[in-house]
């Protein structure tokens, strides 16, 4: 009995999930399923031609060139010890505020997100830098690890997040516009985390030690530690917003700036420069592989008619565009429990993007929501990746995994409230984009 193309598409998605749960690399899973499905529908010769065309097309995509440059920028920023200086500066200014050191870890994560583009890298760095100081200052250990895990959620939401670039390439939206769309949400979530910590410390003062302030002289001297990060942020976001630089140009100029900053600081040597270049090449190769795999899967899903059938079914149910977005967010929440954010996006975008286009949903707005939901998955117990990174660094300090879970819960609630705000008020994401277009 012949199987309809739509049913074949459903079977392919189930096989893809099975391969991923069997720990097969996601790019191989997508290539295998995409080529096998396309071969069944159109024949082996057409399938190999399609694979070659999509591979070449991905390699020739100029938009992808921005990713390795931003990755190198993050590696060099780590080598330059830029974030250590920034955290100390912020801690000096925030010292007198209840929970100021925990707030400094959030602001430090936001700052590193401007030069890193990776949630896990942000969590790992800030945990190593801030956790010993938080514990030495007698902060409640659950508040400390919760704040550090939550800070990692800013890694992909504040530009130039690697996940932002992957989403922009797969959904064919402007990388520059998507960066700008994430600007207000990223800093709004930062502010909400700070407010939450302040409220927690006011309700339960025993969470933090008695705040000690710094002199104005100490604060102004400490400010120099923020200059480099501010310059990078100005180049990237200011340059793109006002049309001075393209994303590729902003990434290149920022990377060169950080390179010379590291040389001036004498923190860059042959060993860590080689490590930075090696890490950049490895991650770039992995990212290119998953994009090629996603493109091949995209073509098969389009040929199978699965996305169109799903769109027609939802239209017949008279689901509104907002209802569709909420349904997809629920799907992302469920998938985010066992899967990492990149896998969730790569698996779902080939199916959801045609449906979203049919419902005339703004893909910039949806992209912001998708990134938030993916980051929420990184923070949600019991399988959030950020939690495991923090727990590994906190274990030598006698902090249990259960403490990390409990410490993250208030921040999860804050992130859910933030997601609801962004769904209810699309202009949070689109306001600056509108100014950019005019």
Protein backbone atom coordinates (compact mmCIF):
# COMPACT_ATOMS: atom_id res chain seq x y z
CA UNK A 1 0.00 0.00 0.00
CA UNK A 2 1.37 3.36 -1.08
CA UNK A 3 2.03 5.88 1.69
CA UNK A 4 0.98 9.48 1.07
CA UNK A 5 3.78 12.11 1.08
CA UNK A 6 2.29 13.77 4.17
CA UNK A 7 2.32 10.50 6.16
CA UNK A 8 5.87 9.90 4.95
CA UNK A 9 6.78 13.33 6.34
CA UNK A 10 5.32 12.41 9.75
CA UNK A 11 7.19 9.09 9.75
CA UNK A 12 10.40 10.93 8.85
CA UNK A 13 10.03 13.30 11.81
CA UNK A 14 9.47 10.35 14.16
CA UNK A 15 12.55 8.59 12.76
CA UNK A 16 14.53 11.81 13.20
CA UNK A 17 13.50 12.02 16.86
CA UNK A 18 14.47 8.37 17.36
CA UNK A 19 17.92 8.91 15.84
CA UNK A 20 18.48 11.98 18.01
CA UNK A 21 17.48 10.13 21.17
CA UNK A 22 19.91 7.38 20.15
CA UNK A 23 22.62 10.07 20.33
CA UNK A 24 23.29 10.24 16.59
CA UNK A 25 24.66 13.74 15.77
CA UNK A 26 21.78 15.95 14.73
CA UNK A 27 23.29 16.99 11.40
CA UNK A 28 23.77 13.34 10.39
CA UNK A 29 20.21 12.55 11.50
CA UNK A 30 18.79 15.36 9.38
CA UNK A 31 20.85 14.43 6.31
CA UNK A 32 19.93 10.74 6.57
CA UNK A 33 16.21 11.41 7.03
CA UNK A 34 16.12 14.18 4.41
CA UNK A 35 17.95 12.18 1.73
CA UNK A 36 16.04 8.95 2.46
CA UNK A 37 12.67 10.70 2.36
CA UNK A 38 13.51 12.65 -0.80
CA UNK A 39 14.75 9.46 -2.46
CA UNK A 40 11.45 7.71 -1.75
CA UNK A 41 9.49 10.64 -3.21
CA UNK A 42 11.68 11.67 -6.15
CA UNK A 43 14.37 9.06 -6.73
CA UNK A 44 18.03 8.69 -5.82
CA UNK A 45 19.42 10.81 -8.67
CA UNK A 46 17.24 13.81 -7.78
CA UNK A 47 18.09 13.33 -4.09
CA UNK A 48 21.85 13.47 -4.67
CA UNK A 49 21.43 16.53 -6.89
CA UNK A 50 19.36 18.24 -4.20
CA UNK A 51 21.97 17.41 -1.54
CA UNK A 52 24.80 18.83 -3.67
CA UNK A 53 22.88 22.02 -4.47
CA UNK A 54 21.97 22.65 -0.84
CA UNK A 55 25.49 21.98 0.38
CA UNK A 56 26.97 24.41 -2.13
CA UNK A 57 24.23 26.93 -1.39
CA UNK A 58 24.96 26.82 2.33
CA UNK A 59 28.70 27.24 1.77
CA UNK A 60 28.07 30.24 -0.49
CA UNK A 61 25.64 31.94 1.91
CA UNK A 62 27.32 35.25 2.82
CA UNK A 63 25.13 35.62 5.91
CA UNK A 64 26.86 32.62 7.48
CA UNK A 65 30.23 34.40 7.38
CA UNK A 66 29.26 36.45 10.42
CA UNK A 67 29.08 33.42 12.74
CA UNK A 68 32.78 32.42 12.86
CA UNK A 69 33.79 36.06 13.32
CA UNK A 70 31.49 36.48 16.32
CA UNK A 71 32.68 33.14 17.70
CA UNK A 72 36.30 34.27 17.44
CA UNK A 73 35.36 37.54 19.12
CA UNK A 74 33.94 35.63 22.08
CA UNK A 75 37.03 33.43 22.33
CA UNK A 76 39.35 36.45 22.29
CA UNK A 77 37.17 38.25 24.84
CA UNK A 78 37.55 35.26 27.15
CA UNK A 79 41.31 35.21 26.64
CA UNK A 80 41.57 38.96 27.30
CA UNK A 81 40.01 38.62 30.79
CA UNK A 82 37.62 41.38 29.77
CA UNK A 83 34.74 39.87 31.74
CA UNK A 84 36.74 39.53 34.94
CA UNK A 85 37.41 43.27 34.83
CA UNK A 86 33.79 44.06 33.98
CA UNK A 87 32.42 41.92 36.82
CA UNK A 88 34.69 43.57 39.36
CA UNK A 89 33.63 47.00 38.10
CA UNK A 90 29.93 46.19 38.32
CA UNK A 91 30.36 44.62 41.77
CA UNK A 92 32.06 47.80 43.00
CA UNK A 93 29.15 49.96 41.84
CA UNK A 94 26.43 47.55 43.06
CA UNK A 95 28.01 46.75 46.42
CA UNK A 96 25.64 48.86 48.52
CA UNK A 97 22.44 47.46 46.96
CA UNK A 98 20.88 44.43 48.69
CA UNK A 99 21.89 41.46 46.57
CA UNK A 100 24.32 43.67 44.65
CA UNK A 101 26.90 40.95 44.01
CA UNK A 102 24.22 38.59 42.64
CA UNK A 103 22.99 41.46 40.46
CA UNK A 104 26.56 42.00 39.30
CA UNK A 105 26.67 38.38 38.12
CA UNK A 106 23.52 38.99 36.04
CA UNK A 107 24.90 42.22 34.59
CA UNK A 108 28.24 40.52 33.98
CA UNK A 109 26.45 37.77 32.06
CA UNK A 110 24.60 40.41 30.03
CA UNK A 111 27.91 42.09 29.28
CA UNK A 112 29.62 38.88 28.22
CA UNK A 113 26.60 38.04 26.06
CA UNK A 114 27.45 41.14 24.01
CA UNK A 115 30.74 39.55 22.98
CA UNK A 116 30.13 35.81 23.35
CA UNK A 117 26.97 34.54 21.69
CA UNK A 118 26.73 31.31 23.68
CA UNK A 119 24.58 30.51 26.71
CA UNK A 120 26.82 27.72 27.96
CA UNK A 121 29.98 29.79 27.51
CA UNK A 122 28.36 32.64 29.43
CA UNK A 123 27.31 30.33 32.27
CA UNK A 124 30.71 28.64 32.46
CA UNK A 125 32.70 31.87 32.50
CA UNK A 126 30.48 33.75 34.96
CA UNK A 127 30.29 30.76 37.32
CA UNK A 128 34.08 30.51 37.43
CA UNK A 129 34.46 34.27 37.93
CA UNK A 130 31.56 35.04 40.28
CA UNK A 131 30.70 31.93 42.31
CA UNK A 132 33.77 32.02 44.59
CA UNK A 133 33.15 35.71 45.33
CA UNK A 134 29.45 35.15 46.01
CA UNK A 135 30.18 32.32 48.44
CA UNK A 136 33.03 34.19 50.13
CA UNK A 137 30.65 37.10 50.65
CA UNK A 138 28.26 34.70 52.46
CA UNK A 139 25.47 34.85 49.87
CA UNK A 140 22.82 32.15 50.11
CA UNK A 141 24.16 29.39 47.89
CA UNK A 142 20.81 28.77 46.20
CA UNK A 143 20.44 32.42 45.25
CA UNK A 144 24.03 32.44 43.99
CA UNK A 145 23.75 29.40 41.71
CA UNK A 146 20.25 30.40 40.56
CA UNK A 147 21.48 33.83 39.49
CA UNK A 148 24.43 32.34 37.62
CA UNK A 149 22.24 29.82 35.77
CA UNK A 150 19.73 32.55 34.92
CA UNK A 151 22.47 34.84 33.62
CA UNK A 152 23.27 32.22 31.01
CA UNK A 153 19.82 32.64 29.46
CA UNK A 154 21.00 36.04 28.23
CA UNK A 155 23.77 34.42 26.20
CA UNK A 156 21.67 33.83 23.10
CA UNK A 157 19.03 36.51 23.66
CA UNK A 158 21.39 39.50 23.74
CA UNK A 159 23.11 39.89 20.34
CA UNK A 160 25.27 38.49 18.88
CA UNK A 161 23.91 35.11 20.00
CA UNK A 162 24.92 32.15 17.89
CA UNK A 163 21.36 30.82 18.00
CA UNK A 164 20.13 34.18 16.66
CA UNK A 165 22.36 33.80 13.62
CA UNK A 166 21.25 30.21 12.98
CA UNK A 167 17.58 31.20 13.25
CA UNK A 168 18.07 34.18 10.92
CA UNK A 169 19.77 32.01 8.29
CA UNK A 170 17.16 29.23 8.43
CA UNK A 171 14.19 31.62 8.43
CA UNK A 172 15.73 33.99 5.86
CA UNK A 173 15.30 37.13 7.97
CA UNK A 174 17.85 39.94 8.18
CA UNK A 175 20.52 39.19 10.78
CA UNK A 176 20.86 42.91 11.52
CA UNK A 177 17.13 43.37 12.03
CA UNK A 178 16.94 40.26 14.20
CA UNK A 179 19.76 41.55 16.39
CA UNK A 180 17.88 44.81 16.85
CA UNK A 181 14.62 42.94 17.56
CA UNK A 182 16.36 41.14 20.44
CA UNK A 183 17.85 44.30 21.94
CA UNK A 184 14.92 45.46 24.13
CA UNK A 185 13.85 41.91 25.14
CA UNK A 186 17.41 41.04 26.18
CA UNK A 187 17.80 44.02 28.45
CA UNK A 188 14.23 43.84 29.71
CA UNK A 189 14.87 40.28 30.91
CA UNK A 190 18.10 41.48 32.52
CA UNK A 191 16.17 44.18 34.39
CA UNK A 192 13.50 41.69 35.49
CA UNK A 193 16.16 39.37 36.92
CA UNK A 194 17.68 42.30 38.83
CA UNK A 195 14.26 43.31 40.15
CA UNK A 196 13.55 39.74 41.21
CA UNK A 197 16.82 39.51 43.16
CA UNK A 198 16.09 42.85 44.84
CA UNK A 199 12.60 41.71 45.87
CA UNK A 200 13.91 38.36 47.14
CA UNK A 201 16.50 40.13 49.28
CA UNK A 202 13.96 42.59 50.64
CA UNK A 203 11.52 39.81 51.55
CA UNK A 204 14.22 37.60 53.05
CA UNK A 205 17.28 39.70 54.07
CA UNK A 206 19.09 36.61 55.37
CA UNK A 207 19.77 35.58 51.76
CA UNK A 208 22.57 38.15 51.51
CA UNK A 209 25.11 39.74 53.85
CA UNK A 210 24.84 43.33 55.02
CA UNK A 211 25.61 45.48 51.98
CA UNK A 212 28.89 47.40 52.06
CA UNK A 213 29.43 50.34 49.75
CA UNK A 214 32.48 51.71 47.98
CA UNK A 215 33.80 55.25 47.84
CA UNK A 216 33.11 57.38 44.78
CA UNK A 217 36.81 57.26 43.98
CA UNK A 218 36.76 53.45 43.98
CA UNK A 219 33.69 53.46 41.74
CA UNK A 220 35.19 55.79 39.16
CA UNK A 221 38.48 53.88 39.15
CA UNK A 222 36.51 50.63 38.64
CA UNK A 223 34.62 52.10 35.68
CA UNK A 224 37.62 51.61 33.39
CA UNK A 225 36.89 47.87 33.47
CA UNK A 226 33.65 48.51 31.54
CA UNK A 227 35.08 50.63 28.74
CA UNK A 228 36.10 47.79 26.43
CA UNK A 229 32.73 46.04 26.64
CA UNK A 230 30.92 49.34 26.09
CA UNK A 231 32.98 50.03 22.94
CA UNK A 232 32.19 46.57 21.53
CA UNK A 233 28.49 46.99 22.31
CA UNK A 234 28.48 50.42 20.66
CA UNK A 235 30.14 49.07 17.51
CA UNK A 236 27.76 46.13 17.15
CA UNK A 237 24.36 47.46 18.21
CA UNK A 238 24.90 51.16 17.52
CA UNK A 239 26.59 50.50 14.21
CA UNK A 240 23.83 48.16 13.00
CA UNK A 241 20.92 50.25 14.36
CA UNK A 242 22.11 53.44 12.66
CA UNK A 243 23.21 51.76 9.45
CA UNK A 244 26.92 52.48 9.92
CA UNK A 245 27.94 48.81 9.69
CA UNK A 246 26.50 45.59 8.37
CA UNK A 247 26.54 42.70 10.88
CA UNK A 248 29.61 41.26 9.14
CA UNK A 249 31.45 44.58 9.33
CA UNK A 250 30.47 45.12 12.97
CA UNK A 251 31.68 41.62 13.86
CA UNK A 252 35.01 42.12 12.09
CA UNK A 253 35.73 45.53 13.62
CA UNK A 254 34.77 44.32 17.12
CA UNK A 255 36.98 41.25 16.79
CA UNK A 256 39.98 43.33 15.71
CA UNK A 257 39.34 45.72 18.62
CA UNK A 258 39.27 42.88 21.17
CA UNK A 259 42.38 41.33 19.60
CA UNK A 260 44.38 44.52 20.13
CA UNK A 261 42.81 45.00 23.57
CA UNK A 262 44.08 41.55 24.55
CA UNK A 263 47.53 42.36 23.16
CA UNK A 264 47.68 45.61 25.12
CA UNK A 265 46.59 43.74 28.27
CA UNK A 266 49.33 41.17 27.53
CA UNK A 267 46.79 38.43 28.16
CA UNK A 268 47.04 36.98 24.64
CA UNK A 269 49.85 34.58 23.83
CA UNK A 270 50.49 31.93 21.23
CA UNK A 271 48.86 29.20 23.30
CA UNK A 272 45.50 30.86 23.96
CA UNK A 273 45.44 32.41 20.46
CA UNK A 274 45.80 28.90 18.98
CA UNK A 275 43.09 27.66 21.36
CA UNK A 276 40.76 30.50 20.29
CA UNK A 277 41.28 29.78 16.59
CA UNK A 278 40.86 26.03 17.12
CA UNK A 279 37.61 26.41 19.09
CA UNK A 280 36.26 28.81 16.48
CA UNK A 281 37.00 26.39 13.64
CA UNK A 282 35.47 23.42 15.48
CA UNK A 283 32.23 25.23 16.36
CA UNK A 284 32.00 26.80 12.89
CA UNK A 285 32.33 23.39 11.27
CA UNK A 286 29.63 21.95 13.51
CA UNK A 287 27.33 24.91 12.80
CA UNK A 288 27.87 24.61 9.04
CA UNK A 289 27.09 20.89 9.19
CA UNK A 290 23.80 21.41 11.04
CA UNK A 291 22.75 24.20 8.66
CA UNK A 292 23.43 21.98 5.64
CA UNK A 293 21.47 19.18 7.33
CA UNK A 294 18.60 21.55 8.15
CA UNK A 295 18.47 22.80 4.55
CA UNK A 296 18.25 19.24 3.22
CA UNK A 297 15.51 18.39 5.71
CA UNK A 298 13.71 21.63 4.76
CA UNK A 299 13.55 20.61 1.12
CA UNK A 300 12.17 17.17 1.95
CA UNK A 301 9.52 18.60 4.30
CA UNK A 302 8.46 21.06 1.59
CA UNK A 303 8.24 18.32 -1.07
CA UNK A 304 6.30 16.01 1.27
CA UNK A 305 3.62 18.66 1.76
CA UNK A 306 3.61 18.09 5.53
CA UNK A 307 3.90 21.77 6.41
CA UNK A 308 1.16 22.71 3.94
CA UNK A 309 -1.12 19.98 5.26
CA UNK A 310 -0.53 21.19 8.82
CA UNK A 311 -1.27 24.76 7.75
CA UNK A 312 -4.50 23.74 5.99
CA UNK A 313 -5.60 21.76 9.04
CA UNK A 314 -5.02 24.69 11.39
CA UNK A 315 -6.88 27.02 9.04
CA UNK A 316 -9.84 24.62 9.03
CA UNK A 317 -9.88 24.81 12.84
CA UNK A 318 -10.04 28.63 12.63
CA UNK A 319 -6.99 28.98 14.87
CA UNK A 320 -5.85 32.61 15.17
CA UNK A 321 -2.25 33.68 14.55
CA UNK A 322 -1.82 34.34 18.27
CA UNK A 323 -3.30 30.94 19.12
CA UNK A 324 -0.87 29.32 16.69
CA UNK A 325 2.10 31.04 18.32
CA UNK A 326 0.97 29.96 21.80
CA UNK A 327 0.55 26.36 20.59
CA UNK A 328 4.07 26.39 19.15
CA UNK A 329 5.46 27.80 22.42
CA UNK A 330 3.85 24.89 24.26
CA UNK A 331 5.45 22.46 21.79
CA UNK A 332 8.82 24.16 22.34
CA UNK A 333 8.42 23.87 26.10
CA UNK A 334 7.72 20.13 25.84
CA UNK A 335 10.57 19.49 23.38
CA UNK A 336 12.92 21.67 25.43
CA UNK A 337 12.74 19.24 28.36
CA UNK A 338 14.74 16.42 26.71
CA UNK A 339 16.44 18.39 23.87
CA UNK A 340 18.95 21.22 23.60
CA UNK A 341 17.79 24.56 22.06
CA UNK A 342 19.65 24.14 18.77
CA UNK A 343 18.10 20.73 18.19
CA UNK A 344 14.63 22.08 18.97
CA UNK A 345 14.94 24.86 16.40
CA UNK A 346 16.50 22.66 13.73
CA UNK A 347 13.80 20.03 14.17
CA UNK A 348 10.81 22.36 14.20
CA UNK A 349 11.59 25.29 11.91
CA UNK A 350 11.23 23.31 8.65
CA UNK A 351 7.67 22.43 9.75
CA UNK A 352 6.61 25.64 11.48
CA UNK A 353 8.02 28.34 9.19
CA UNK A 354 5.68 27.64 6.23
CA UNK A 355 2.73 27.54 8.65
CA UNK A 356 3.77 30.82 10.27
CA UNK A 357 4.08 32.43 6.84
CA UNK A 358 0.62 31.18 5.92
CA UNK A 359 -0.75 32.85 9.06
CA UNK A 360 1.24 36.05 8.35
CA UNK A 361 3.14 35.88 11.65
CA UNK A 362 6.08 38.27 11.85
CA UNK A 363 9.15 36.00 11.82
CA UNK A 364 11.27 38.52 13.74
CA UNK A 365 8.76 38.54 16.60
CA UNK A 366 8.38 34.77 16.49
CA UNK A 367 12.14 34.35 16.46
CA UNK A 368 12.49 36.36 19.67
CA UNK A 369 9.80 34.21 21.32
CA UNK A 370 11.46 31.00 20.11
CA UNK A 371 14.85 32.06 21.50
CA UNK A 372 13.28 32.98 24.86
CA UNK A 373 11.51 29.63 25.05
CA UNK A 374 14.72 27.79 24.17
CA UNK A 375 16.62 29.68 26.85
CA UNK A 376 13.86 28.91 29.35
CA UNK A 377 14.43 25.24 28.53
CA UNK A 378 18.11 25.71 29.41
CA UNK A 379 17.06 27.00 32.84
CA UNK A 380 14.21 24.62 33.67
CA UNK A 381 14.82 21.67 36.06
CA UNK A 382 15.51 18.80 35.82
CA UNK A 383 17.38 18.83 32.51
CA UNK A 384 18.28 22.46 31.82
CA UNK A 385 21.82 22.55 30.40
CA UNK A 386 22.70 25.73 32.29
CA UNK A 387 21.94 23.97 35.57
CA UNK A 388 24.39 21.17 34.86
CA UNK A 389 27.17 23.61 33.95
CA UNK A 390 26.65 25.53 37.21
CA UNK A 391 26.33 22.31 39.24
CA UNK A 392 29.63 20.98 37.88
CA UNK A 393 31.44 24.17 38.94
CA UNK A 394 29.60 24.35 42.28
CA UNK A 395 30.17 20.74 43.32
CA UNK A 396 33.65 21.38 44.81
CA UNK A 397 32.01 24.00 47.05
CA UNK A 398 29.63 21.41 48.51
CA UNK A 399 26.56 22.61 46.59
CA UNK A 400 24.18 19.84 45.53
CA UNK A 401 22.29 19.51 42.25
CA UNK A 402 19.02 19.85 44.18
CA UNK A 403 20.21 23.25 45.44
CA UNK A 404 20.85 24.38 41.86
CA UNK A 405 17.36 23.20 40.87
CA UNK A 406 15.69 25.03 43.77
CA UNK A 407 17.73 28.17 43.20
CA UNK A 408 16.68 28.34 39.54
CA UNK A 409 12.91 28.11 40.15
CA UNK A 410 12.31 31.83 40.95
CA UNK A 411 14.23 32.77 37.82
CA UNK A 412 12.19 30.31 35.74
CA UNK A 413 9.01 32.02 36.97
CA UNK A 414 10.45 35.42 36.02
CA UNK A 415 11.36 34.12 32.56
CA UNK A 416 7.82 32.75 32.03
CA UNK A 417 6.33 36.13 32.99
CA UNK A 418 8.77 37.78 30.58
CA UNK A 419 7.72 35.41 27.76
CA UNK A 420 4.05 36.24 28.38
CA UNK A 421 4.87 39.97 28.17
CA UNK A 422 6.67 39.50 24.84
CA UNK A 423 3.74 37.48 23.44
CA UNK A 424 1.15 40.00 24.62
CA UNK A 425 3.13 43.03 23.42
CA UNK A 426 4.92 42.33 20.11
CA UNK A 427 6.26 45.90 20.02
CA UNK A 428 8.71 44.96 22.76
CA UNK A 429 10.52 43.14 19.95
CA UNK A 430 9.48 45.17 16.91
CA UNK A 431 9.65 48.80 18.07
CA UNK A 432 13.34 49.36 17.30
CA UNK A 433 13.06 47.38 14.06
CA UNK A 434 10.33 49.80 12.95
CA UNK A 435 12.63 52.74 13.64
CA UNK A 436 15.42 50.99 11.77
CA UNK A 437 13.24 50.49 8.68
CA UNK A 438 12.22 54.17 8.64
